[in-house]
Amino acid sequence: MMAVAVLAPGHASAQTVVPPGNSQAEQPPIPGASTKRTKSSGTTFERKYRKVYGLLKNDAKLRAKIKQQAAAYGIDPMHIVGAIVGEHTYNVDAYDRLQTYYVKAVSYLSSKLHFAYDGEDVTDFIQRPQFQVCADQSGSYALWTCRERVWNSEFRGKTVGSQSFPNNRFSAVFFQPFYAGQTFGIGQLNPLTALQMSDLVSRVSGFPPLDTSDPNKVYETIMDPDLTIAYVAATLKMSIDSYRKIAGFDISQNPGITATLYNVGDPEGRAYALRAENKTRAAEGKEPRMPEVNYYGWLVNDKLPELQALF
């Protein structure tokens, strides 16, 4: 049964606990792109799930790393497990062995990578006057989230001066030098997310801050399991905190919700949107809308008993 706070959602001090499990009996629709990608690889979602499940089951060191980072960030390990399972079921196949991720991480040290678009490095791009509104932001999350908003409002799909910019995500245009949409490592993080989490990870885990001037280090970090799981944990912790402080929901007991937010991104923006919607619903005498899982989070909740048994 759901525990409800005295205050309504929308107040920072409100606490409406989202209970474990799925509220929908059936899985929400899976995007066509994910289905097409899986079919073209000659596999199925179930086989991909079984592969990542096998990696978790057979690698005690990986499970230990997950538990260690979950404890450091004060979250249930199932949130990290859910993110890993969702990504490797609907995005890319997991490698059979954790060692392969280490090998891949080292390989990025020998590549000369650039965070740039149309010959302009992102470190120069963010010096444009449009980004001055972000100058007073403190912390890597606030700073890079602000810059992402500026990209969406001032550049995305627009012509600025004589230069046209793609109608695509900031992370895809500037931070994925191999091809747009590419993510890496056991957590399938994109570089922009890692940059946003840099301060939190540095504070909690003691890792050196990431910098756009060293793209190779960013890519090594998100490929290396000894480093990237901390960034996965930090991302999930940010989602939990954002929904509690902004929207008034405690989602810490529902890994499917945090997995959904890990999949779709922008947890802070979505928390504000949910708060605004529920404020309107309250004014209309309607019940508040609870946070909801998508296809990705639904799978995590559905498989949770099996995954919990591993830990």
Protein backbone atom coordinates (compact mmCIF):
# COMPACT_ATOMS: atom_id res chain seq x y z
CA MET A 1 0.00 0.00 0.00
CA MET A 2 1.20 3.49 -0.80
CA ALA A 3 2.22 5.71 2.10
CA VAL A 4 1.02 9.26 1.63
CA ALA A 5 2.42 12.33 3.33
CA VAL A 6 0.37 15.03 4.97
CA LEU A 7 1.36 17.57 2.32
CA ALA A 8 0.40 17.25 -1.32
CA PRO A 9 3.04 16.52 -3.99
CA GLY A 10 4.60 19.69 -5.29
CA HIS A 11 6.04 20.82 -1.95
CA ALA A 12 9.67 20.08 -1.25
CA SER A 13 8.81 18.56 2.12
CA ALA A 14 6.05 16.29 0.79
CA GLN A 15 6.70 12.57 0.82
CA THR A 16 4.48 10.33 -1.26
CA VAL A 17 6.16 6.95 -1.42
CA VAL A 18 5.93 5.19 -4.76
CA PRO A 19 5.58 1.50 -3.84
CA PRO A 20 7.58 -1.27 -5.50
CA GLY A 21 6.29 -3.01 -8.61
CA ASN A 22 4.41 -2.12 -11.76
CA SER A 23 1.06 -0.38 -11.71
CA GLN A 24 0.41 -1.51 -15.30
CA ALA A 25 -0.45 -5.13 -15.97
CA GLU A 26 1.17 -5.05 -19.41
CA GLN A 27 4.48 -3.66 -20.59
CA PRO A 28 4.24 -0.26 -22.32
CA PRO A 29 5.13 -0.30 -26.03
CA ILE A 30 8.79 -0.80 -26.93
CA PRO A 31 10.09 1.77 -29.43
CA GLY A 32 10.37 0.54 -32.99
CA ALA A 33 14.03 1.54 -33.21
CA SER A 34 14.92 -0.76 -30.32
CA THR A 35 12.94 -3.63 -31.83
CA LYS A 36 14.52 -3.11 -35.25
CA ARG A 37 18.03 -2.93 -33.81
CA THR A 38 17.52 -6.14 -31.86
CA LYS A 39 16.06 -8.04 -34.81
CA SER A 40 18.85 -6.89 -37.12
CA SER A 41 21.35 -8.34 -34.66
CA GLY A 42 19.68 -11.73 -34.92
CA THR A 43 18.67 -11.84 -31.29
CA THR A 44 15.68 -11.13 -29.03
CA PHE A 45 15.05 -9.00 -25.96
CA GLU A 46 14.76 -12.12 -23.83
CA ARG A 47 18.13 -13.44 -25.02
CA LYS A 48 19.74 -10.06 -24.38
CA TYR A 49 18.23 -9.98 -20.91
CA ARG A 50 19.51 -13.49 -20.21
CA LYS A 51 22.98 -12.46 -21.35
CA VAL A 52 23.24 -9.51 -18.96
CA TYR A 53 21.61 -11.58 -16.20
CA GLY A 54 24.31 -14.20 -16.79
CA LEU A 55 27.04 -11.57 -16.50
CA LEU A 56 25.65 -10.44 -13.15
CA LYS A 57 25.15 -14.00 -11.92
CA ASN A 58 28.59 -15.25 -12.90
CA ASP A 59 30.71 -12.29 -11.80
CA ALA A 60 30.95 -11.90 -8.03
CA LYS A 61 33.38 -8.99 -8.43
CA LEU A 62 30.84 -7.05 -10.49
CA ARG A 63 28.16 -7.64 -7.88
CA ALA A 64 30.57 -6.50 -5.18
CA LYS A 65 31.33 -3.28 -7.11
CA ILE A 66 27.61 -2.59 -7.47
CA LYS A 67 26.96 -3.11 -3.75
CA GLN A 68 29.94 -0.95 -2.82
CA GLN A 69 28.86 1.99 -4.98
CA ALA A 70 25.22 1.65 -3.94
CA ALA A 71 26.30 1.94 -0.31
CA ALA A 72 28.50 4.95 -1.07
CA TYR A 73 25.59 6.83 -2.68
CA GLY A 74 22.95 5.62 -0.25
CA ILE A 75 20.76 3.76 -2.72
CA ASP A 76 19.51 0.20 -3.10
CA PRO A 77 21.81 -1.86 -5.39
CA MET A 78 18.75 -2.77 -7.46
CA HIS A 79 18.69 0.76 -8.88
CA ILE A 80 22.14 0.20 -10.40
CA VAL A 81 21.22 -3.31 -11.49
CA GLY A 82 18.05 -2.02 -13.11
CA ALA A 83 19.93 0.57 -15.15
CA ILE A 84 22.46 -2.00 -16.33
CA VAL A 85 19.79 -4.58 -17.19
CA GLY A 86 17.59 -2.10 -19.03
CA GLU A 87 20.46 -0.74 -21.13
CA HIS A 88 21.74 -4.16 -22.15
CA THR A 89 18.29 -5.51 -22.90
CA TYR A 90 17.08 -2.64 -25.07
CA ASN A 91 20.28 -0.92 -26.16
CA VAL A 92 23.30 -3.15 -26.74
CA ASP A 93 24.26 -6.70 -25.81
CA ALA A 94 26.36 -7.13 -22.70
CA TYR A 95 29.84 -8.52 -23.09
CA ASP A 96 30.24 -12.04 -21.74
CA ARG A 97 33.00 -11.05 -19.35
CA LEU A 98 33.63 -7.94 -17.27
CA GLN A 99 37.27 -8.03 -18.38
CA THR A 100 36.20 -6.97 -21.89
CA TYR A 101 35.03 -3.61 -20.53
CA TYR A 102 38.48 -3.00 -19.05
CA VAL A 103 40.12 -3.81 -22.38
CA LYS A 104 37.80 -1.42 -24.17
CA ALA A 105 38.55 1.31 -21.62
CA VAL A 106 42.29 1.03 -22.24
CA SER A 107 41.73 1.20 -25.99
CA TYR A 108 40.38 4.74 -25.70
CA LEU A 109 43.69 5.93 -24.30
CA SER A 110 45.27 5.34 -27.70
CA SER A 111 42.62 7.27 -29.65
CA LYS A 112 42.67 11.01 -30.17
CA LEU A 113 39.12 12.08 -29.48
CA HIS A 114 37.49 15.50 -29.80
CA PHE A 115 34.26 16.91 -28.43
CA ALA A 116 33.38 19.12 -31.37
CA TYR A 117 30.86 19.93 -34.10
CA ASP A 118 31.68 21.28 -37.53
CA GLY A 119 35.28 21.92 -36.50
CA GLU A 120 34.36 23.85 -33.33
CA ASP A 121 35.46 22.37 -30.03
CA VAL A 122 32.78 22.36 -27.33
CA THR A 123 35.12 24.26 -24.98
CA ASP A 124 35.05 27.12 -27.51
CA PHE A 125 31.37 26.69 -28.32
CA ILE A 126 30.27 27.24 -24.71
CA GLN A 127 32.10 30.57 -24.68
CA ARG A 128 29.47 32.00 -27.04
CA PRO A 129 27.41 34.80 -25.48
CA GLN A 130 24.24 32.69 -25.34
CA PHE A 131 25.85 30.64 -22.58
CA GLN A 132 26.52 33.60 -20.30
CA VAL A 133 23.26 32.85 -18.47
CA CYS A 134 25.00 29.76 -17.09
CA ALA A 135 28.00 31.64 -15.70
CA ASP A 136 26.61 31.84 -12.16
CA GLN A 137 25.76 28.14 -11.95
CA SER A 138 27.78 26.25 -9.37
CA GLY A 139 28.46 22.55 -9.66
CA SER A 140 28.87 20.40 -12.73
CA TYR A 141 25.26 19.21 -12.78
CA ALA A 142 23.71 22.69 -12.69
CA LEU A 143 26.29 24.05 -15.14
CA TRP A 144 25.98 21.38 -17.81
CA THR A 145 22.21 21.14 -17.41
CA CYS A 146 22.01 24.90 -18.00
CA ARG A 147 24.22 24.59 -21.07
CA GLU A 148 22.03 21.80 -22.39
CA ARG A 149 18.95 24.04 -21.97
CA VAL A 150 20.72 26.84 -23.87
CA TRP A 151 21.54 24.43 -26.67
CA ASN A 152 17.89 23.37 -26.90
CA SER A 153 16.51 26.91 -26.86
CA GLU A 154 19.11 28.82 -28.86
CA PHE A 155 20.83 26.40 -31.23
CA ARG A 156 19.04 23.11 -31.74
CA GLY A 157 17.58 22.95 -35.24
CA LYS A 158 18.30 26.65 -35.80
CA THR A 159 20.57 28.82 -37.90
CA VAL A 160 22.71 31.14 -35.81
CA GLY A 161 24.60 33.69 -37.86
CA SER A 162 25.38 31.73 -41.00
CA GLN A 163 25.75 28.37 -39.27
CA SER A 164 23.02 25.74 -39.14
CA PHE A 165 22.83 23.35 -36.21
CA PRO A 166 21.25 19.88 -36.18
CA ASN A 167 17.90 19.23 -34.58
CA ASN A 168 19.46 16.76 -32.20
CA ARG A 169 20.48 16.42 -28.56
CA PHE A 170 23.48 18.38 -27.25
CA SER A 171 25.10 15.10 -26.20
CA ALA A 172 24.71 13.59 -29.67
CA VAL A 173 26.02 16.62 -31.55
CA PHE A 174 29.10 17.47 -29.48
CA PHE A 175 29.93 14.55 -27.22
CA GLN A 176 29.81 11.43 -29.37
CA PRO A 177 32.66 11.62 -31.87
CA PHE A 178 32.14 8.15 -33.32
CA TYR A 179 28.46 8.41 -34.23
CA ALA A 180 25.38 10.04 -32.76
CA GLY A 181 23.50 8.00 -30.19
CA GLN A 182 26.53 5.97 -29.14
CA THR A 183 26.88 5.15 -25.46
CA PHE A 184 29.50 3.11 -23.69
CA GLY A 185 30.40 0.75 -20.91
CA ILE A 186 28.42 -1.43 -18.59
CA GLY A 187 26.29 1.56 -17.62
CA GLN A 188 25.90 2.76 -21.24
CA LEU A 189 26.56 6.34 -20.13
CA ASN A 190 26.96 9.18 -22.57
CA PRO A 191 29.78 11.67 -21.94
CA LEU A 192 27.48 14.59 -21.15
CA THR A 193 25.85 12.66 -18.31
CA ALA A 194 29.29 11.82 -16.94
CA LEU A 195 30.28 15.49 -17.07
CA GLN A 196 27.09 16.45 -15.22
CA MET A 197 27.84 13.94 -12.45
CA SER A 198 31.53 14.84 -12.17
CA ASP A 199 31.32 16.96 -9.00
CA LEU A 200 29.12 14.51 -7.11
CA VAL A 201 31.36 11.57 -8.01
CA SER A 202 34.46 13.54 -7.12
CA ARG A 203 32.97 14.43 -3.74
CA VAL A 204 31.64 10.97 -2.86
CA SER A 205 34.13 8.65 -4.58
CA GLY A 206 37.19 10.88 -4.69
CA PHE A 207 37.74 10.55 -8.44
CA PRO A 208 39.41 13.45 -10.30
CA PRO A 209 36.86 15.77 -11.96
CA LEU A 210 36.20 15.23 -15.66
CA ASP A 211 36.96 17.95 -18.17
CA THR A 212 35.94 18.49 -21.79
CA SER A 213 39.57 19.28 -22.59
CA ASP A 214 40.40 15.59 -22.04
CA PRO A 215 37.80 13.58 -23.99
CA ASN A 216 39.93 10.43 -23.84
CA LYS A 217 39.76 10.44 -20.06
CA VAL A 218 35.99 10.91 -20.20
CA TYR A 219 35.61 7.89 -22.48
CA GLU A 220 38.01 5.79 -20.43
CA THR A 221 36.01 6.65 -17.32
CA ILE A 222 32.68 5.56 -18.73
CA MET A 223 34.17 2.32 -20.08
CA ASP A 224 36.11 1.30 -16.97
CA PRO A 225 33.86 -0.65 -14.53
CA ASP A 226 35.97 0.52 -11.59
CA LEU A 227 34.98 4.09 -12.42
CA THR A 228 31.72 4.09 -14.35
CA ILE A 229 29.53 2.32 -11.77
CA ALA A 230 30.06 5.30 -9.48
CA TYR A 231 28.70 7.57 -12.24
CA VAL A 232 25.71 5.27 -12.73
CA ALA A 233 25.03 5.39 -8.98
CA ALA A 234 25.36 9.17 -8.93
CA THR A 235 22.94 9.55 -11.84
CA LEU A 236 20.35 7.39 -10.07
CA LYS A 237 20.88 9.22 -6.78
CA MET A 238 20.26 12.51 -8.60
CA SER A 239 16.97 11.18 -9.95
CA ILE A 240 15.82 10.05 -6.51
CA ASP A 241 16.76 13.36 -4.91
CA SER A 242 15.16 15.42 -7.70
CA TYR A 243 11.81 13.66 -7.42
CA ARG A 244 11.79 13.93 -3.65
CA LYS A 245 12.78 17.60 -3.44
CA ILE A 246 10.93 18.91 -6.50
CA ALA A 247 7.91 16.70 -7.12
CA GLY A 248 7.35 15.35 -3.62
CA PHE A 249 7.70 11.67 -4.52
CA ASP A 250 9.95 9.12 -2.89
CA ILE A 251 10.91 6.78 -5.74
CA SER A 252 13.69 5.03 -3.81
CA GLN A 253 11.64 1.83 -3.43
CA ASN A 254 10.88 1.44 -7.14
CA PRO A 255 13.90 0.59 -9.34
CA GLY A 256 11.62 0.57 -12.38
CA ILE A 257 10.99 4.30 -11.97
CA THR A 258 14.67 5.14 -11.58
CA ALA A 259 15.49 2.88 -14.54
CA THR A 260 12.91 4.76 -16.62
CA LEU A 261 14.53 8.08 -15.71
CA TYR A 262 17.97 6.66 -16.47
CA ASN A 263 16.62 5.74 -19.91
CA VAL A 264 14.84 8.99 -20.78
CA GLY A 265 17.16 11.46 -18.99
CA ASP A 266 16.53 14.93 -17.54
CA PRO A 267 15.13 13.78 -14.18
CA GLU A 268 15.11 17.30 -12.78
CA GLY A 269 13.12 18.70 -15.71
CA ARG A 270 10.68 15.81 -15.53
CA ALA A 271 10.25 16.30 -11.79
CA TYR A 272 9.36 19.96 -12.36
CA ALA A 273 6.92 18.98 -15.12
CA LEU A 274 5.24 16.43 -12.85
CA ARG A 275 4.99 18.98 -10.05
CA ALA A 276 3.35 21.49 -12.39
CA GLU A 277 0.92 18.89 -13.71
CA ASN A 278 -0.08 17.81 -10.22
CA LYS A 279 -0.57 21.41 -9.15
CA THR A 280 -3.04 21.79 -12.02
CA ARG A 281 -4.72 18.49 -11.18
CA ALA A 282 -5.09 19.53 -7.54
CA ALA A 283 -6.74 22.79 -8.59
CA GLU A 284 -9.18 20.71 -10.66
CA GLY A 285 -9.95 18.41 -7.75
CA LYS A 286 -8.15 15.46 -9.33
CA GLU A 287 -5.85 12.92 -7.76
CA PRO A 288 -2.14 13.50 -8.37
CA ARG A 289 -0.45 11.55 -11.14
CA MET A 290 2.17 9.15 -9.86
CA PRO A 291 5.55 8.72 -11.54
CA GLU A 292 5.24 6.04 -14.22
CA VAL A 293 7.53 3.43 -15.72
CA ASN A 294 8.13 3.09 -19.45
CA TYR A 295 8.81 -0.20 -21.25
CA TYR A 296 12.37 -0.22 -19.90
CA GLY A 297 11.46 0.34 -16.25
CA TRP A 298 8.54 -2.08 -16.51
CA LEU A 299 10.95 -4.89 -17.42
CA VAL A 300 13.18 -4.05 -14.45
CA ASN A 301 10.27 -4.27 -12.02
CA ASP A 302 9.00 -7.43 -13.66
CA LYS A 303 12.40 -9.14 -13.32
CA LEU A 304 13.18 -7.70 -9.89
CA PRO A 305 12.62 -10.85 -7.77
CA GLU A 306 15.05 -12.79 -9.98
CA LEU A 307 17.61 -9.98 -9.87
CA GLN A 308 17.28 -9.48 -6.11
CA ALA A 309 18.05 -13.17 -5.60
CA LEU A 310 21.54 -12.56 -7.00
CA PHE A 311 22.33 -10.11 -4.21
